[in-house]
Structures are given as structure tokens and as C-alpha cells.
Amino acid sequence: MVKVGEVIVSTLRLLAPKLSIAAVDPVTDLSENCELWCSLGELQQILTNILNNAAEASSQRRKATIRVRESFDWTNPATPGVRITLADTGLGM
């Protein structure tokens, strides 16, 4: 079991220099109790890829928000899960 918030915080710490240079201001809204049964390294790689894309997408200052909440499986609401939402204020594609 991986504490999702801890992975996000460590990933942001790792990418802080690049995000700062790219004018991306990370904002977190994390539920502390959210855990996910996954590979820590794979989750960190997914987050790194998305945040790197945000950093490389534009040169204008923008905010990247990462939110973590307890959720459920949409196909079976009785199955608990975790929802990780990433959004930025960039122009997009």
C-alpha cells in the first residue's frame, strides 16, 4: 500500500527546480488517508510524466493543481478507490 499524498509530495520535491524554471506553480489538495495498492515507482513515473509535460508545454506562468480524494469504482460503487486529479491553467493543446 502506498500513501498517495507522500508520493505526490516527493515527486514535486524532485521536480521543483524544473517546475520553477518552467514557471509552473504546483498546488496540492491532498486527503491524507488515501492509500493505493500499486508500485510506488510506477505512480511516481506517471506523475513525473504529466508534470514534465506541463512544464514543457508553455513558457507562461501557470498553476498545476493536484488533488487526491477517496473515491469508488465507477462500474461498481461498492468498491472503494482513490481519485487523483491533475489540472493546470495552461492553454492546453
C-alpha atoms as a PDB file:
ATOM      1  CA  MET A   1       0.000   0.000   0.000  1.00  0.00           C
ATOM      2  CA  VAL A   2       1.301   3.423  -0.993  1.00  0.00           C
ATOM      3  CA  LYS A   3       0.309   6.712   0.628  1.00  0.00           C
ATOM      4  CA  VAL A   4      -0.598   8.743  -2.439  1.00  0.00           C
ATOM      5  CA  GLY A   5      -0.012  12.140  -0.822  1.00  0.00           C
ATOM      6  CA  GLU A   6       3.524  11.200   0.170  1.00  0.00           C
ATOM      7  CA  VAL A   7       4.328  10.120  -3.397  1.00  0.00           C
ATOM      8  CA  ILE A   8       2.979  13.395  -4.753  1.00  0.00           C
ATOM      9  CA  VAL A   9       4.965  15.484  -2.268  1.00  0.00           C
ATOM     10  CA  SER A  10       8.188  13.594  -3.019  1.00  0.00           C
ATOM     11  CA  THR A  11       7.607  13.877  -6.777  1.00  0.00           C
ATOM     12  CA  LEU A  12       7.042  17.626  -6.500  1.00  0.00           C
ATOM     13  CA  ARG A  13      10.206  17.944  -4.418  1.00  0.00           C
ATOM     14  CA  LEU A  14      12.137  16.057  -7.111  1.00  0.00           C
ATOM     15  CA  LEU A  15      10.736  18.216  -9.928  1.00  0.00           C
ATOM     16  CA  ALA A  16      10.808  21.555  -8.052  1.00  0.00           C
ATOM     17  CA  PRO A  17      13.798  23.024  -9.933  1.00  0.00           C
ATOM     18  CA  LYS A  18      12.356  22.189 -13.363  1.00  0.00           C
ATOM     19  CA  LEU A  19       8.854  23.393 -12.449  1.00  0.00           C
ATOM     20  CA  SER A  20      10.278  26.638 -11.089  1.00  0.00           C
ATOM     21  CA  ILE A  21      12.292  27.319 -14.244  1.00  0.00           C
ATOM     22  CA  ALA A  22       9.229  26.494 -16.361  1.00  0.00           C
ATOM     23  CA  ALA A  23       7.041  28.907 -14.303  1.00  0.00           C
ATOM     24  CA  VAL A  24       4.734  26.135 -13.071  1.00  0.00           C
ATOM     25  CA  ASP A  25       3.405  26.751  -9.565  1.00  0.00           C
ATOM     26  CA  PRO A  26       2.253  23.441  -8.047  1.00  0.00           C
ATOM     27  CA  VAL A  27      -0.729  23.490  -5.687  1.00  0.00           C
ATOM     28  CA  THR A  28      -1.781  20.414  -3.726  1.00  0.00           C
ATOM     29  CA  ASP A  29      -5.093  19.474  -2.150  1.00  0.00           C
ATOM     30  CA  LEU A  30      -4.416  16.074  -0.618  1.00  0.00           C
ATOM     31  CA  SER A  31      -6.536  13.815   1.539  1.00  0.00           C
ATOM     32  CA  GLU A  32      -4.025  12.396   3.989  1.00  0.00           C
ATOM     33  CA  ASN A  33      -5.575   8.947   4.390  1.00  0.00           C
ATOM     34  CA  CYS A  34      -5.667   7.899   0.738  1.00  0.00           C
ATOM     35  CA  GLU A  35      -3.714   4.734   0.053  1.00  0.00           C
ATOM     36  CA  LEU A  36      -3.379   2.815  -3.175  1.00  0.00           C
ATOM     37  CA  TRP A  37      -2.168  -0.689  -3.827  1.00  0.00           C
ATOM     38  CA  CYS A  38       0.380  -0.017  -6.555  1.00  0.00           C
ATOM     39  CA  SER A  39       4.047   0.283  -7.341  1.00  0.00           C
ATOM     40  CA  LEU A  40       5.424   3.460  -5.775  1.00  0.00           C
ATOM     41  CA  GLY A  41       7.876   3.845  -8.655  1.00  0.00           C
ATOM     42  CA  GLU A  42       5.196   3.473 -11.319  1.00  0.00           C
ATOM     43  CA  LEU A  43       2.910   6.017  -9.655  1.00  0.00           C
ATOM     44  CA  GLN A  44       5.820   8.445  -9.354  1.00  0.00           C
ATOM     45  CA  GLN A  45       6.687   7.880 -13.039  1.00  0.00           C
ATOM     46  CA  ILE A  46       3.124   8.677 -14.124  1.00  0.00           C
ATOM     47  CA  LEU A  47       3.099  11.883 -12.073  1.00  0.00           C
ATOM     48  CA  THR A  48       6.553  12.838 -13.351  1.00  0.00           C
ATOM     49  CA  ASN A  49       5.487  12.378 -16.981  1.00  0.00           C
ATOM     50  CA  ILE A  50       2.368  14.520 -16.581  1.00  0.00           C
ATOM     51  CA  LEU A  51       4.169  17.277 -14.672  1.00  0.00           C
ATOM     52  CA  ASN A  52       7.058  17.281 -17.163  1.00  0.00           C
ATOM     53  CA  ASN A  53       4.517  17.709 -19.959  1.00  0.00           C
ATOM     54  CA  ALA A  54       3.025  20.691 -18.109  1.00  0.00           C
ATOM     55  CA  ALA A  55       6.495  22.179 -17.651  1.00  0.00           C
ATOM     56  CA  GLU A  56       7.355  21.807 -21.325  1.00  0.00           C
ATOM     57  CA  ALA A  57       4.009  22.934 -22.754  1.00  0.00           C
ATOM     58  CA  SER A  58       4.307  26.687 -22.345  1.00  0.00           C
ATOM     59  CA  SER A  59       6.592  29.441 -21.160  1.00  0.00           C
ATOM     60  CA  GLN A  60       3.852  31.478 -19.442  1.00  0.00           C
ATOM     61  CA  ARG A  61       3.385  31.268 -15.662  1.00  0.00           C
ATOM     62  CA  ARG A  62       0.620  28.852 -14.695  1.00  0.00           C
ATOM     63  CA  LYS A  63      -0.681  26.819 -11.812  1.00  0.00           C
ATOM     64  CA  ALA A  64      -0.742  22.999 -11.703  1.00  0.00           C
ATOM     65  CA  THR A  65      -3.190  21.618  -9.160  1.00  0.00           C
ATOM     66  CA  ILE A  66      -3.039  18.048  -7.862  1.00  0.00           C
ATOM     67  CA  ARG A  67      -5.960  16.805  -5.806  1.00  0.00           C
ATOM     68  CA  VAL A  68      -6.370  13.417  -4.105  1.00  0.00           C
ATOM     69  CA  ARG A  69      -9.666  12.129  -2.732  1.00  0.00           C
ATOM     70  CA  GLU A  70     -11.172   8.860  -1.663  1.00  0.00           C
ATOM     71  CA  SER A  71     -13.452   7.600  -4.406  1.00  0.00           C
ATOM     72  CA  PHE A  72     -15.022   4.411  -5.748  1.00  0.00           C
ATOM     73  CA  ASP A  73     -15.028   2.239  -8.841  1.00  0.00           C
ATOM     74  CA  TRP A  74     -17.489   3.861 -11.272  1.00  0.00           C
ATOM     75  CA  THR A  75     -18.587   0.456 -12.551  1.00  0.00           C
ATOM     76  CA  ASN A  76     -19.123  -0.886  -9.021  1.00  0.00           C
ATOM     77  CA  PRO A  77     -19.746   1.845  -6.417  1.00  0.00           C
ATOM     78  CA  ALA A  78     -19.274  -0.688  -3.612  1.00  0.00           C
ATOM     79  CA  THR A  79     -15.561  -0.943  -4.494  1.00  0.00           C
ATOM     80  CA  PRO A  80     -13.533   1.817  -2.799  1.00  0.00           C
ATOM     81  CA  GLY A  81     -10.703   3.577  -4.588  1.00  0.00           C
ATOM     82  CA  VAL A  82      -8.682   6.758  -4.919  1.00  0.00           C
ATOM     83  CA  ARG A  83      -9.123   9.610  -7.408  1.00  0.00           C
ATOM     84  CA  ILE A  84      -6.095  11.675  -8.412  1.00  0.00           C
ATOM     85  CA  THR A  85      -6.962  14.813 -10.368  1.00  0.00           C
ATOM     86  CA  LEU A  86      -4.329  16.900 -12.147  1.00  0.00           C
ATOM     87  CA  ALA A  87      -5.235  20.203 -13.788  1.00  0.00           C
ATOM     88  CA  ASP A  88      -3.331  23.237 -14.936  1.00  0.00           C
ATOM     89  CA  THR A  89      -4.186  26.723 -16.079  1.00  0.00           C
ATOM     90  CA  GLY A  90      -2.125  26.468 -19.268  1.00  0.00           C
ATOM     91  CA  LEU A  91      -3.532  26.898 -22.750  1.00  0.00           C
ATOM     92  CA  GLY A  92      -3.628  23.184 -23.484  1.00  0.00           C
ATOM     93  CA  MET A  93      -3.073  21.587 -26.838  1.00  0.00           C
END
